Amino acid sequence: MAVIDVAGFVAEQKEHAIAHGFHVHDERHFVETYSLRQAWEVDLHPEEACGGPLDIHLALEVDPRVLLSFEDLVMELDEGADPPDLHHFPLHFSWSLPPLASGPDLLVLATDLAGVGGTDLPLEVSAIDSFASVTDAPDRSVGIVGRVEVSLSEVFVGERELLCNELDRAMEVSRWLLERCEGWLPTED
């Protein structure tokens, strides 16, 4: 039996996200057959943005070598001892907006979002310009990614406040984007 129930952890975090004001749409679980790497993905957005332009994608990457190493460590511990904080899984928060008619200045956006995400949720901003044909104007898509580490020792001991700060910051980032994206989106003619 595994020392950490990853599926249970993901289910708890979905409930946790709902408690923080998110609406959960979908969940997927992938297992790579050769390496046994896993990915747990959850699609969500703020409750007030249901049907809106903003989508958030959470992805937890599970490396079986990290999990097995953590399990070996736990098995060697004295009974009742907590494991040291040496093992982590990456968790990615990814925001996406539809193609923008009038995209923001990326440097200004990155600077503004750095203040919103803070140190709890460091953010990376990128953009892709797509051209349907050579004579068409570009369609700009903006992507925002926040990366945090999930401590396996905190999951093991049942830390109740795990990812609270990150979910709060994710909600702040989402609401900040929703307030400003109306001016970036194409208008309906």
N, C-alpha and C. Protein backbone atom coordinates (compact mmCIF):
# COMPACT_ATOMS: atom_id res chain seq x y z
N MET A 1 0.84 -1.19 0.00
CA MET A 1 0.00 0.00 0.00
C MET A 1 0.88 1.25 0.00
N ALA A 2 0.50 2.23 -0.80
CA ALA A 2 1.28 3.46 -0.90
C ALA A 2 1.11 4.30 0.37
N VAL A 3 2.16 5.03 0.73
CA VAL A 3 2.09 5.87 1.92
C VAL A 3 1.32 7.16 1.65
N ILE A 4 1.19 7.52 0.38
CA ILE A 4 0.42 8.72 -0.01
C ILE A 4 -0.62 8.31 -1.04
N ASP A 5 -1.85 8.72 -0.79
CA ASP A 5 -2.95 8.49 -1.71
C ASP A 5 -3.05 9.71 -2.62
N VAL A 6 -2.40 9.64 -3.78
CA VAL A 6 -2.36 10.80 -4.68
C VAL A 6 -3.77 11.12 -5.20
N ALA A 7 -4.55 10.10 -5.55
CA ALA A 7 -5.91 10.35 -6.02
C ALA A 7 -6.74 11.03 -4.93
N GLY A 8 -6.58 10.60 -3.69
CA GLY A 8 -7.29 11.24 -2.58
C GLY A 8 -6.84 12.67 -2.38
N PHE A 9 -5.53 12.92 -2.54
CA PHE A 9 -5.00 14.28 -2.41
C PHE A 9 -5.61 15.19 -3.48
N VAL A 10 -5.68 14.70 -4.72
CA VAL A 10 -6.25 15.50 -5.81
C VAL A 10 -7.73 15.78 -5.52
N ALA A 11 -8.46 14.78 -5.04
CA ALA A 11 -9.88 14.98 -4.71
C ALA A 11 -10.04 16.02 -3.60
N GLU A 12 -9.16 15.97 -2.59
CA GLU A 12 -9.20 16.97 -1.51
C GLU A 12 -8.92 18.37 -2.05
N GLN A 13 -7.97 18.47 -2.97
CA GLN A 13 -7.63 19.79 -3.51
C GLN A 13 -8.75 20.34 -4.39
N LYS A 14 -9.49 19.46 -5.06
CA LYS A 14 -10.66 19.93 -5.82
C LYS A 14 -11.69 20.53 -4.86
N GLU A 15 -11.96 19.84 -3.75
CA GLU A 15 -12.88 20.37 -2.75
C GLU A 15 -12.35 21.66 -2.14
N HIS A 16 -11.04 21.70 -1.92
CA HIS A 16 -10.38 22.89 -1.38
C HIS A 16 -10.54 24.06 -2.34
N ALA A 17 -10.38 23.81 -3.64
CA ALA A 17 -10.54 24.86 -4.64
C ALA A 17 -11.98 25.38 -4.65
N ILE A 18 -12.94 24.49 -4.49
CA ILE A 18 -14.35 24.90 -4.43
C ILE A 18 -14.58 25.79 -3.22
N ALA A 19 -13.98 25.43 -2.08
CA ALA A 19 -14.11 26.25 -0.87
C ALA A 19 -13.49 27.63 -1.05
N HIS A 20 -12.53 27.75 -1.97
CA HIS A 20 -11.87 29.04 -2.25
C HIS A 20 -12.58 29.82 -3.36
N GLY A 21 -13.76 29.36 -3.81
CA GLY A 21 -14.55 30.11 -4.78
C GLY A 21 -14.39 29.69 -6.22
N PHE A 22 -13.75 28.56 -6.47
CA PHE A 22 -13.58 28.09 -7.84
C PHE A 22 -14.71 27.13 -8.21
N HIS A 23 -14.97 27.04 -9.50
CA HIS A 23 -15.92 26.09 -10.05
C HIS A 23 -15.11 25.06 -10.83
N VAL A 24 -15.20 23.80 -10.45
CA VAL A 24 -14.43 22.73 -11.09
C VAL A 24 -15.25 22.14 -12.23
N HIS A 25 -14.63 22.04 -13.41
CA HIS A 25 -15.32 21.51 -14.59
C HIS A 25 -14.95 20.08 -14.91
N ASP A 26 -13.70 19.75 -14.84
CA ASP A 26 -13.27 18.45 -15.36
C ASP A 26 -12.01 18.00 -14.64
N GLU A 27 -11.79 16.70 -14.66
CA GLU A 27 -10.56 16.13 -14.10
C GLU A 27 -10.11 15.00 -15.01
N ARG A 28 -8.80 14.91 -15.20
CA ARG A 28 -8.22 13.84 -16.01
C ARG A 28 -7.03 13.25 -15.28
N HIS A 29 -6.80 11.98 -15.51
CA HIS A 29 -5.65 11.29 -14.94
C HIS A 29 -4.97 10.52 -16.06
N PHE A 30 -3.69 10.79 -16.26
CA PHE A 30 -2.91 10.13 -17.30
C PHE A 30 -1.79 9.33 -16.65
N VAL A 31 -1.52 8.15 -17.20
CA VAL A 31 -0.40 7.33 -16.75
C VAL A 31 0.41 6.96 -17.98
N GLU A 32 1.68 7.29 -17.95
CA GLU A 32 2.59 6.91 -19.03
C GLU A 32 2.99 5.46 -18.80
N THR A 33 2.73 4.60 -19.74
CA THR A 33 2.92 3.16 -19.51
C THR A 33 4.38 2.76 -19.37
N TYR A 34 5.28 3.44 -20.03
CA TYR A 34 6.69 3.04 -19.96
C TYR A 34 7.35 3.44 -18.65
N SER A 35 7.21 4.71 -18.26
CA SER A 35 7.90 5.21 -17.06
C SER A 35 7.01 5.23 -15.83
N LEU A 36 5.68 5.06 -16.01
CA LEU A 36 4.69 5.13 -14.94
C LEU A 36 4.56 6.54 -14.35
N ARG A 37 5.06 7.54 -15.07
CA ARG A 37 4.81 8.94 -14.66
C ARG A 37 3.31 9.18 -14.77
N GLN A 38 2.80 10.03 -13.89
CA GLN A 38 1.38 10.33 -13.89
C GLN A 38 1.17 11.84 -13.96
N ALA A 39 0.04 12.20 -14.48
CA ALA A 39 -0.38 13.61 -14.48
C ALA A 39 -1.85 13.65 -14.08
N TRP A 40 -2.15 14.48 -13.11
CA TRP A 40 -3.52 14.74 -12.69
C TRP A 40 -3.84 16.15 -13.14
N GLU A 41 -4.91 16.31 -13.90
CA GLU A 41 -5.27 17.63 -14.42
C GLU A 41 -6.70 17.98 -14.01
N VAL A 42 -6.90 19.23 -13.64
CA VAL A 42 -8.21 19.74 -13.23
C VAL A 42 -8.45 21.06 -13.95
N ASP A 43 -9.61 21.18 -14.57
CA ASP A 43 -10.01 22.43 -15.23
C ASP A 43 -10.98 23.17 -14.31
N LEU A 44 -10.72 24.46 -14.09
CA LEU A 44 -11.58 25.24 -13.20
C LEU A 44 -11.53 26.71 -13.57
N HIS A 45 -12.36 27.50 -12.91
CA HIS A 45 -12.36 28.96 -13.05
C HIS A 45 -13.13 29.55 -11.88
N PRO A 46 -13.02 30.85 -11.64
CA PRO A 46 -13.80 31.45 -10.57
C PRO A 46 -15.29 31.26 -10.83
N GLU A 47 -16.06 31.06 -9.76
CA GLU A 47 -17.50 30.82 -9.91
C GLU A 47 -18.18 31.90 -10.73
N GLU A 48 -17.78 33.16 -10.52
CA GLU A 48 -18.44 34.26 -11.22
C GLU A 48 -18.07 34.32 -12.70
N ALA A 49 -17.15 33.51 -13.16
CA ALA A 49 -16.70 33.55 -14.55
C ALA A 49 -17.15 32.33 -15.33
N CYS A 50 -18.19 31.66 -14.87
CA CYS A 50 -18.68 30.49 -15.58
C CYS A 50 -19.17 30.92 -16.96
N GLY A 51 -18.65 30.29 -17.99
CA GLY A 51 -18.99 30.69 -19.35
C GLY A 51 -18.22 31.89 -19.83
N GLY A 52 -17.29 32.37 -19.01
CA GLY A 52 -16.52 33.56 -19.36
C GLY A 52 -15.28 33.23 -20.15
N PRO A 53 -14.46 34.23 -20.38
CA PRO A 53 -13.30 34.06 -21.26
C PRO A 53 -12.08 33.39 -20.60
N LEU A 54 -12.12 33.21 -19.28
CA LEU A 54 -10.92 32.75 -18.57
C LEU A 54 -11.06 31.29 -18.16
N ASP A 55 -10.03 30.51 -18.47
CA ASP A 55 -9.96 29.13 -18.02
C ASP A 55 -8.66 28.92 -17.26
N ILE A 56 -8.73 28.07 -16.24
CA ILE A 56 -7.53 27.73 -15.46
C ILE A 56 -7.37 26.22 -15.51
N HIS A 57 -6.14 25.81 -15.68
CA HIS A 57 -5.81 24.40 -15.78
C HIS A 57 -4.77 24.09 -14.70
N LEU A 58 -5.10 23.19 -13.78
CA LEU A 58 -4.14 22.73 -12.77
C LEU A 58 -3.57 21.40 -13.22
N ALA A 59 -2.28 21.22 -13.06
CA ALA A 59 -1.64 19.96 -13.42
C ALA A 59 -0.64 19.56 -12.35
N LEU A 60 -0.86 18.39 -11.75
CA LEU A 60 0.07 17.82 -10.77
C LEU A 60 0.84 16.71 -11.46
N GLU A 61 2.16 16.83 -11.47
CA GLU A 61 3.00 15.83 -12.11
C GLU A 61 3.57 14.90 -11.04
N VAL A 62 3.36 13.61 -11.23
CA VAL A 62 3.80 12.61 -10.26
C VAL A 62 4.91 11.77 -10.88
N ASP A 63 6.11 11.94 -10.37
CA ASP A 63 7.26 11.15 -10.81
C ASP A 63 7.35 9.93 -9.90
N PRO A 64 7.24 8.72 -10.45
CA PRO A 64 7.25 7.53 -9.60
C PRO A 64 8.55 7.36 -8.81
N ARG A 65 9.66 7.84 -9.35
CA ARG A 65 10.93 7.72 -8.62
C ARG A 65 10.92 8.56 -7.35
N VAL A 66 10.31 9.78 -7.43
CA VAL A 66 10.20 10.64 -6.26
C VAL A 66 9.27 9.99 -5.23
N LEU A 67 8.16 9.45 -5.69
CA LEU A 67 7.21 8.80 -4.80
C LEU A 67 7.83 7.59 -4.12
N LEU A 68 8.53 6.76 -4.87
CA LEU A 68 9.17 5.57 -4.29
C LEU A 68 10.28 5.95 -3.31
N SER A 69 11.04 6.98 -3.64
CA SER A 69 12.09 7.45 -2.74
C SER A 69 11.48 7.96 -1.42
N PHE A 70 10.37 8.67 -1.52
CA PHE A 70 9.69 9.15 -0.33
C PHE A 70 9.16 7.98 0.50
N GLU A 71 8.58 7.00 -0.16
CA GLU A 71 8.07 5.82 0.55
C GLU A 71 9.20 5.09 1.28
N ASP A 72 10.36 4.95 0.63
CA ASP A 72 11.51 4.31 1.28
C ASP A 72 11.92 5.09 2.53
N LEU A 73 11.93 6.41 2.43
CA LEU A 73 12.29 7.27 3.55
C LEU A 73 11.31 7.08 4.71
N VAL A 74 10.02 7.06 4.40
CA VAL A 74 8.98 6.91 5.43
C VAL A 74 9.12 5.55 6.12
N MET A 75 9.41 4.51 5.37
CA MET A 75 9.54 3.16 5.95
C MET A 75 10.72 3.06 6.90
N GLU A 76 11.74 3.92 6.71
CA GLU A 76 12.92 3.89 7.57
C GLU A 76 12.77 4.72 8.84
N LEU A 77 11.72 5.55 8.91
CA LEU A 77 11.52 6.44 10.06
C LEU A 77 11.06 5.66 11.28
N ASP A 78 11.41 6.20 12.46
CA ASP A 78 10.87 5.66 13.69
C ASP A 78 9.37 5.95 13.73
N GLU A 79 8.63 5.10 14.40
CA GLU A 79 7.18 5.28 14.48
C GLU A 79 6.84 6.63 15.12
N GLY A 80 5.93 7.34 14.49
CA GLY A 80 5.51 8.64 15.00
C GLY A 80 6.36 9.80 14.53
N ALA A 81 7.48 9.53 13.87
CA ALA A 81 8.36 10.60 13.38
C ALA A 81 7.83 11.13 12.05
N ASP A 82 7.95 12.43 11.87
CA ASP A 82 7.56 13.04 10.60
C ASP A 82 8.73 13.03 9.64
N PRO A 83 8.47 12.78 8.35
CA PRO A 83 9.56 12.75 7.37
C PRO A 83 10.07 14.17 7.10
N PRO A 84 11.36 14.28 6.77
CA PRO A 84 11.90 15.61 6.40
C PRO A 84 11.31 16.05 5.06
N ASP A 85 11.33 17.36 4.83
CA ASP A 85 10.75 17.95 3.63
C ASP A 85 11.76 17.91 2.49
N LEU A 86 11.93 16.74 1.89
CA LEU A 86 12.92 16.56 0.83
C LEU A 86 12.32 16.23 -0.53
N HIS A 87 11.07 15.81 -0.56
CA HIS A 87 10.45 15.32 -1.79
C HIS A 87 9.26 16.21 -2.16
N HIS A 88 9.19 16.55 -3.45
CA HIS A 88 8.14 17.46 -3.93
C HIS A 88 7.63 17.03 -5.30
N PHE A 89 6.37 17.34 -5.56
CA PHE A 89 5.79 17.20 -6.89
C PHE A 89 5.50 18.60 -7.41
N PRO A 90 5.76 18.86 -8.70
CA PRO A 90 5.41 20.17 -9.26
C PRO A 90 3.91 20.27 -9.53
N LEU A 91 3.36 21.43 -9.21
CA LEU A 91 1.96 21.75 -9.50
C LEU A 91 1.95 23.02 -10.33
N HIS A 92 1.27 22.98 -11.47
CA HIS A 92 1.22 24.11 -12.39
C HIS A 92 -0.19 24.68 -12.45
N PHE A 93 -0.30 25.99 -12.29
CA PHE A 93 -1.53 26.73 -12.52
C PHE A 93 -1.35 27.41 -13.88
N SER A 94 -2.23 27.13 -14.84
CA SER A 94 -2.11 27.74 -16.17
C SER A 94 -3.41 28.47 -16.51
N TRP A 95 -3.30 29.77 -16.78
CA TRP A 95 -4.44 30.58 -17.18
C TRP A 95 -4.39 30.76 -18.68
N SER A 96 -5.57 30.71 -19.32
CA SER A 96 -5.60 30.99 -20.76
C SER A 96 -6.82 31.84 -21.08
N LEU A 97 -6.62 32.71 -22.04
CA LEU A 97 -7.67 33.59 -22.57
C LEU A 97 -7.80 33.29 -24.05
N PRO A 98 -8.96 33.57 -24.63
CA PRO A 98 -9.09 33.40 -26.09
C PRO A 98 -8.18 34.38 -26.81
N PRO A 99 -8.01 34.22 -28.13
CA PRO A 99 -7.20 35.20 -28.87
C PRO A 99 -7.69 36.62 -28.61
N LEU A 100 -6.72 37.51 -28.44
CA LEU A 100 -7.03 38.89 -28.04
C LEU A 100 -6.94 39.84 -29.22
N ALA A 101 -7.90 40.75 -29.32
CA ALA A 101 -7.88 41.76 -30.38
C ALA A 101 -6.84 42.83 -30.09
N SER A 102 -6.71 43.19 -28.84
CA SER A 102 -5.82 44.26 -28.44
C SER A 102 -5.08 43.79 -27.19
N GLY A 103 -4.09 42.97 -27.38
CA GLY A 103 -3.38 42.38 -26.25
C GLY A 103 -2.61 43.39 -25.43
N PRO A 104 -2.39 43.07 -24.17
CA PRO A 104 -1.64 43.97 -23.29
C PRO A 104 -0.16 43.94 -23.59
N ASP A 105 0.54 44.96 -23.12
CA ASP A 105 2.00 44.98 -23.16
C ASP A 105 2.48 43.88 -22.20
N LEU A 106 3.24 42.93 -22.70
CA LEU A 106 3.62 41.76 -21.90
C LEU A 106 4.50 42.11 -20.71
N LEU A 107 5.40 43.07 -20.86
CA LEU A 107 6.26 43.46 -19.75
C LEU A 107 5.44 44.09 -18.64
N VAL A 108 4.49 44.96 -19.00
CA VAL A 108 3.62 45.58 -18.00
C VAL A 108 2.75 44.52 -17.34
N LEU A 109 2.20 43.61 -18.15
CA LEU A 109 1.36 42.54 -17.61
C LEU A 109 2.16 41.67 -16.64
N ALA A 110 3.37 41.27 -17.02
CA ALA A 110 4.21 40.44 -16.14
C ALA A 110 4.54 41.16 -14.85
N THR A 111 4.83 42.44 -14.94
CA THR A 111 5.14 43.23 -13.74
C THR A 111 3.93 43.36 -12.83
N ASP A 112 2.78 43.67 -13.41
CA ASP A 112 1.57 43.79 -12.61
C ASP A 112 1.19 42.46 -11.96
N LEU A 113 1.28 41.38 -12.72
CA LEU A 113 0.91 40.07 -12.18
C LEU A 113 1.90 39.58 -11.12
N ALA A 114 3.15 40.02 -11.20
CA ALA A 114 4.12 39.64 -10.17
C ALA A 114 3.68 40.15 -8.81
N GLY A 115 3.08 41.33 -8.80
CA GLY A 115 2.57 41.88 -7.55
C GLY A 115 1.32 41.16 -7.07
N VAL A 116 0.52 40.66 -7.98
CA VAL A 116 -0.71 39.95 -7.60
C VAL A 116 -0.39 38.54 -7.12
N GLY A 117 0.46 37.82 -7.85
CA GLY A 117 0.82 36.45 -7.47
C GLY A 117 1.73 36.39 -6.27
N GLY A 118 2.54 37.41 -6.11
CA GLY A 118 3.46 37.46 -4.97
C GLY A 118 4.44 36.31 -4.97
N THR A 119 5.01 36.06 -3.80
CA THR A 119 5.98 34.95 -3.68
C THR A 119 5.29 33.61 -3.50
N ASP A 120 4.01 33.62 -3.12
CA ASP A 120 3.28 32.36 -2.98
C ASP A 120 3.02 31.70 -4.32
N LEU A 121 2.84 32.51 -5.36
CA LEU A 121 2.52 31.99 -6.69
C LEU A 121 3.28 32.78 -7.75
N PRO A 122 4.58 32.50 -7.92
CA PRO A 122 5.34 33.20 -8.96
C PRO A 122 4.78 32.88 -10.35
N LEU A 123 4.68 33.90 -11.18
CA LEU A 123 4.02 33.75 -12.48
C LEU A 123 4.95 34.04 -13.64
N GLU A 124 4.72 33.33 -14.72
CA GLU A 124 5.44 33.52 -15.98
C GLU A 124 4.42 33.90 -17.04
N VAL A 125 4.69 34.94 -17.80
CA VAL A 125 3.77 35.43 -18.82
C VAL A 125 4.40 35.21 -20.19
N SER A 126 3.60 34.70 -21.12
CA SER A 126 4.08 34.51 -22.49
C SER A 126 2.94 34.80 -23.47
N ALA A 127 3.28 34.94 -24.73
CA ALA A 127 2.27 35.19 -25.76
C ALA A 127 2.68 34.48 -27.04
N ILE A 128 1.66 34.11 -27.81
CA ILE A 128 1.88 33.49 -29.11
C ILE A 128 1.04 34.26 -30.13
N ASP A 129 1.68 34.71 -31.20
CA ASP A 129 0.97 35.34 -32.30
C ASP A 129 0.75 34.31 -33.40
N SER A 130 -0.51 34.13 -33.81
CA SER A 130 -0.86 33.18 -34.86
C SER A 130 -1.40 33.94 -36.07
N PHE A 131 -1.04 33.47 -37.25
CA PHE A 131 -1.49 34.07 -38.49
C PHE A 131 -2.27 33.02 -39.28
N ALA A 132 -3.57 33.26 -39.50
CA ALA A 132 -4.38 32.32 -40.28
C ALA A 132 -3.88 32.28 -41.73
N SER A 133 -3.55 33.44 -42.26
CA SER A 133 -2.91 33.52 -43.57
C SER A 133 -1.96 34.72 -43.55
N VAL A 134 -1.13 34.81 -44.55
CA VAL A 134 -0.10 35.84 -44.59
C VAL A 134 -0.68 37.24 -44.56
N THR A 135 -1.84 37.43 -45.13
CA THR A 135 -2.44 38.76 -45.21
C THR A 135 -3.29 39.11 -43.99
N ASP A 136 -3.52 38.18 -43.09
CA ASP A 136 -4.34 38.44 -41.90
C ASP A 136 -3.51 39.05 -40.79
N ALA A 137 -4.20 39.80 -39.96
CA ALA A 137 -3.56 40.34 -38.75
C ALA A 137 -3.34 39.19 -37.76
N PRO A 138 -2.35 39.31 -36.91
CA PRO A 138 -2.10 38.23 -35.97
C PRO A 138 -3.18 38.12 -34.89
N ASP A 139 -3.43 36.90 -34.45
CA ASP A 139 -4.24 36.64 -33.27
C ASP A 139 -3.27 36.35 -32.14
N ARG A 140 -3.35 37.15 -31.07
CA ARG A 140 -2.43 36.98 -29.94
C ARG A 140 -3.12 36.22 -28.83
N SER A 141 -2.49 35.16 -28.38
CA SER A 141 -2.96 34.41 -27.22
C SER A 141 -1.95 34.60 -26.10
N VAL A 142 -2.45 34.94 -24.93
CA VAL A 142 -1.58 35.16 -23.77
C VAL A 142 -1.71 33.97 -22.84
N GLY A 143 -0.58 33.50 -22.36
CA GLY A 143 -0.56 32.40 -21.40
C GLY A 143 0.14 32.84 -20.12
N ILE A 144 -0.40 32.41 -19.00
CA ILE A 144 0.17 32.73 -17.69
C ILE A 144 0.31 31.42 -16.93
N VAL A 145 1.49 31.17 -16.41
CA VAL A 145 1.74 29.92 -15.69
C VAL A 145 2.36 30.23 -14.34
N GLY A 146 1.81 29.61 -13.32
CA GLY A 146 2.38 29.66 -11.98
C GLY A 146 2.84 28.27 -11.58
N ARG A 147 4.03 28.17 -11.04
CA ARG A 147 4.57 26.87 -10.64
C ARG A 147 4.87 26.87 -9.15
N VAL A 148 4.36 25.85 -8.47
CA VAL A 148 4.64 25.67 -7.05
C VAL A 148 5.02 24.21 -6.82
N GLU A 149 5.60 23.97 -5.67
CA GLU A 149 6.00 22.61 -5.29
C GLU A 149 5.07 22.11 -4.19
N VAL A 150 4.59 20.88 -4.34
CA VAL A 150 3.76 20.24 -3.32
C VAL A 150 4.67 19.34 -2.50
N SER A 151 4.75 19.61 -1.21
CA SER A 151 5.62 18.86 -0.31
C SER A 151 4.97 17.52 0.05
N LEU A 152 5.65 16.43 -0.25
CA LEU A 152 5.11 15.11 0.07
C LEU A 152 5.04 14.88 1.57
N SER A 153 5.98 15.46 2.31
CA SER A 153 5.92 15.30 3.77
C SER A 153 4.69 16.01 4.35
N GLU A 154 4.31 17.16 3.79
CA GLU A 154 3.11 17.86 4.26
C GLU A 154 1.84 17.10 3.87
N VAL A 155 1.85 16.48 2.69
CA VAL A 155 0.71 15.64 2.29
C VAL A 155 0.62 14.44 3.23
N PHE A 156 1.76 13.84 3.55
CA PHE A 156 1.81 12.65 4.41
C PHE A 156 1.27 12.93 5.80
N VAL A 157 1.66 14.05 6.39
CA VAL A 157 1.20 14.36 7.75
C VAL A 157 -0.20 14.96 7.77
N GLY A 158 -0.78 15.18 6.58
CA GLY A 158 -2.15 15.68 6.51
C GLY A 158 -2.28 17.15 6.80
N GLU A 159 -1.34 17.94 6.32
CA GLU A 159 -1.38 19.39 6.51
C GLU A 159 -2.69 19.94 5.93
N ARG A 160 -3.53 20.49 6.74
CA ARG A 160 -4.86 20.96 6.35
C ARG A 160 -4.81 22.25 5.53
N GLU A 161 -3.85 23.09 5.76
CA GLU A 161 -3.78 24.38 5.06
C GLU A 161 -2.92 24.31 3.80
N LEU A 162 -2.62 23.09 3.35
CA LEU A 162 -1.77 22.91 2.18
C LEU A 162 -2.42 23.57 0.96
N LEU A 163 -1.71 24.42 0.30
CA LEU A 163 -2.10 25.15 -0.91
C LEU A 163 -3.14 26.24 -0.69
N CYS A 164 -3.44 26.59 0.55
CA CYS A 164 -4.40 27.69 0.82
C CYS A 164 -3.90 29.00 0.24
N ASN A 165 -2.67 29.37 0.55
CA ASN A 165 -2.13 30.64 0.04
C ASN A 165 -2.09 30.66 -1.48
N GLU A 166 -1.71 29.53 -2.07
CA GLU A 166 -1.61 29.45 -3.52
C GLU A 166 -2.99 29.58 -4.18
N LEU A 167 -4.00 28.94 -3.59
CA LEU A 167 -5.36 29.05 -4.13
C LEU A 167 -5.91 30.46 -3.96
N ASP A 168 -5.61 31.09 -2.83
CA ASP A 168 -6.03 32.49 -2.64
C ASP A 168 -5.39 33.38 -3.71
N ARG A 169 -4.10 33.19 -3.94
CA ARG A 169 -3.41 34.00 -4.96
C ARG A 169 -3.93 33.70 -6.35
N ALA A 170 -4.23 32.41 -6.63
CA ALA A 170 -4.78 32.05 -7.93
C ALA A 170 -6.12 32.74 -8.16
N MET A 171 -6.92 32.84 -7.11
CA MET A 171 -8.20 33.54 -7.24
C MET A 171 -7.98 35.03 -7.48
N GLU A 172 -7.02 35.63 -6.78
CA GLU A 172 -6.71 37.05 -6.99
C GLU A 172 -6.23 37.30 -8.42
N VAL A 173 -5.37 36.42 -8.93
CA VAL A 173 -4.88 36.55 -10.31
C VAL A 173 -6.05 36.43 -11.28
N SER A 174 -6.92 35.46 -11.04
CA SER A 174 -8.07 35.24 -11.93
C SER A 174 -8.98 36.46 -11.95
N ARG A 175 -9.29 36.98 -10.79
CA ARG A 175 -10.18 38.15 -10.74
C ARG A 175 -9.51 39.38 -11.36
N TRP A 176 -8.21 39.52 -11.15
CA TRP A 176 -7.47 40.64 -11.74
C TRP A 176 -7.55 40.55 -13.27
N LEU A 177 -7.35 39.35 -13.81
CA LEU A 177 -7.42 39.16 -15.26
C LEU A 177 -8.83 39.42 -15.79
N LEU A 178 -9.83 38.94 -15.07
CA LEU A 178 -11.22 39.14 -15.51
C LEU A 178 -11.59 40.62 -15.56
N GLU A 179 -11.10 41.40 -14.59
CA GLU A 179 -11.39 42.83 -14.58
C GLU A 179 -10.78 43.55 -15.78
N ARG A 180 -9.65 43.09 -16.24
CA ARG A 180 -8.92 43.81 -17.28
C ARG A 180 -9.08 43.24 -18.68
N CYS A 181 -9.51 42.00 -18.81
CA CYS A 181 -9.48 41.36 -20.13
C CYS A 181 -10.57 41.86 -21.07
N GLU A 182 -11.60 42.51 -20.57
CA GLU A 182 -12.67 43.01 -21.46
C GLU A 182 -12.11 43.92 -22.54
N GLY A 183 -11.13 44.75 -22.21
CA GLY A 183 -10.54 45.65 -23.19
C GLY A 183 -9.61 44.95 -24.16
N TRP A 184 -9.22 43.72 -23.85
CA TRP A 184 -8.30 42.99 -24.73
C TRP A 184 -9.03 42.11 -25.74
N LEU A 185 -10.26 41.73 -25.42
CA LEU A 185 -11.00 40.76 -26.24
C LEU A 185 -11.60 41.43 -27.46
N PRO A 186 -11.82 40.64 -28.55
CA PRO A 186 -12.48 41.20 -29.73
C PRO A 186 -13.93 41.57 -29.39
N THR A 187 -14.42 42.62 -30.01
CA THR A 187 -15.81 43.03 -29.78
C THR A 187 -16.72 42.28 -30.75
N GLU A 188 -17.93 42.00 -30.29
CA GLU A 188 -18.92 41.34 -31.14
C GLU A 188 -19.52 42.36 -32.10
N ASP A 189 -19.49 42.09 -33.38
CA ASP A 189 -20.07 43.03 -34.36
C ASP A 189 -21.49 42.66 -34.68
